[in-house]
Amino acid sequence: MALTQQQQQILEEARDKAAKLVVELEERAAELEKNPPKLPPQQLEEGKSAMRNAIVAVKKALENIEKAAAVADKIQRPGA
């Protein structure tokens, strides 16, 4: 079943937003690595771990969105 124009737009927006979020999180993680907040070491490591986990999760979501987009594209254009 082919996607409607609205569904295609939602998928594209989700892909764009996820890609942007990955970049923003990676930039923020790098910034925090260069200038870590003054926190107890354990709390700082927990925060870094949470940031790494968030980046992994968003990258996985982006990967799944891209897979969905590829499937939708094959449905929209069979044989392409």
Protein backbone atom coordinates (compact mmCIF):
# COMPACT_ATOMS: atom_id res chain seq x y z
CA MET A 1 0.00 0.00 0.00
CA ALA A 2 1.49 3.30 -1.11
CA LEU A 3 1.93 6.16 1.34
CA THR A 4 -0.29 9.19 1.07
CA GLN A 5 1.35 12.55 0.47
CA GLN A 6 0.76 13.40 4.13
CA GLN A 7 2.36 10.15 5.32
CA GLN A 8 5.35 10.72 3.06
CA GLN A 9 5.72 14.25 4.43
CA ILE A 10 5.55 12.99 8.03
CA LEU A 11 8.23 10.40 7.28
CA GLU A 12 10.50 13.01 5.70
CA GLU A 13 9.98 15.40 8.61
CA ALA A 14 10.77 12.64 11.11
CA ARG A 15 13.97 11.79 9.23
CA ASP A 16 15.03 15.46 9.11
CA LYS A 17 14.28 16.03 12.79
CA ALA A 18 16.08 12.87 13.89
CA ALA A 19 19.15 13.74 11.81
CA LYS A 20 19.18 17.25 13.25
CA LEU A 21 18.83 15.88 16.78
CA VAL A 22 21.80 13.54 16.28
CA VAL A 23 23.96 16.47 15.21
CA GLU A 24 22.78 18.65 18.09
CA LEU A 25 23.36 15.92 20.69
CA GLU A 26 26.82 15.12 19.34
CA GLU A 27 27.75 18.82 19.37
CA ARG A 28 26.44 19.19 22.93
CA ALA A 29 28.33 16.07 24.06
CA ALA A 30 31.55 17.42 22.55
CA GLU A 31 30.98 20.78 24.22
CA LEU A 32 30.37 19.14 27.59
CA GLU A 33 33.49 17.01 27.12
CA LYS A 34 35.59 20.13 26.51
CA ASN A 35 34.00 22.11 29.34
CA PRO A 36 32.46 19.67 31.82
CA PRO A 37 30.20 21.09 34.50
CA LYS A 38 31.52 21.12 38.04
CA LEU A 39 29.84 17.99 39.32
CA PRO A 40 30.96 15.07 41.47
CA PRO A 41 32.79 12.51 39.28
CA GLN A 42 30.08 9.85 39.60
CA GLN A 43 27.33 12.27 38.68
CA LEU A 44 29.37 13.58 35.74
CA GLU A 45 29.95 10.03 34.45
CA GLU A 46 26.23 9.25 34.81
CA GLY A 47 25.42 12.33 32.76
CA LYS A 48 27.95 11.39 30.07
CA SER A 49 26.53 7.88 29.96
CA ALA A 50 23.00 9.23 29.60
CA MET A 51 24.15 11.47 26.75
CA ARG A 52 25.85 8.56 24.97
CA ASN A 53 22.71 6.44 25.40
CA ALA A 54 20.55 9.23 24.01
CA ILE A 55 22.78 9.58 20.96
CA VAL A 56 22.69 5.82 20.33
CA ALA A 57 18.90 5.78 20.69
CA VAL A 58 18.36 8.67 18.29
CA LYS A 59 20.77 7.16 15.76
CA LYS A 60 18.82 3.89 15.96
CA ALA A 61 15.55 5.75 15.49
CA LEU A 62 17.04 7.56 12.47
CA GLU A 63 18.21 4.24 11.03
CA ASN A 64 14.71 2.80 11.41
CA ILE A 65 13.12 5.89 9.84
CA GLU A 66 15.51 5.59 6.91
CA LYS A 67 14.62 1.90 6.51
CA ALA A 68 10.93 2.78 6.53
CA ALA A 69 11.55 5.47 3.94
CA ALA A 70 13.41 2.99 1.73
CA VAL A 71 10.55 0.50 1.96
CA ALA A 72 8.03 3.23 1.22
CA ASP A 73 10.09 4.33 -1.78
CA LYS A 74 10.11 0.77 -3.15
CA ILE A 75 6.35 0.59 -2.73
CA GLN A 76 5.88 3.97 -4.40
CA ARG A 77 8.18 3.02 -7.30
CA PRO A 78 8.17 -0.75 -7.81
CA GLY A 79 11.05 -2.03 -9.88
CA ALA A 80 13.18 1.06 -9.22
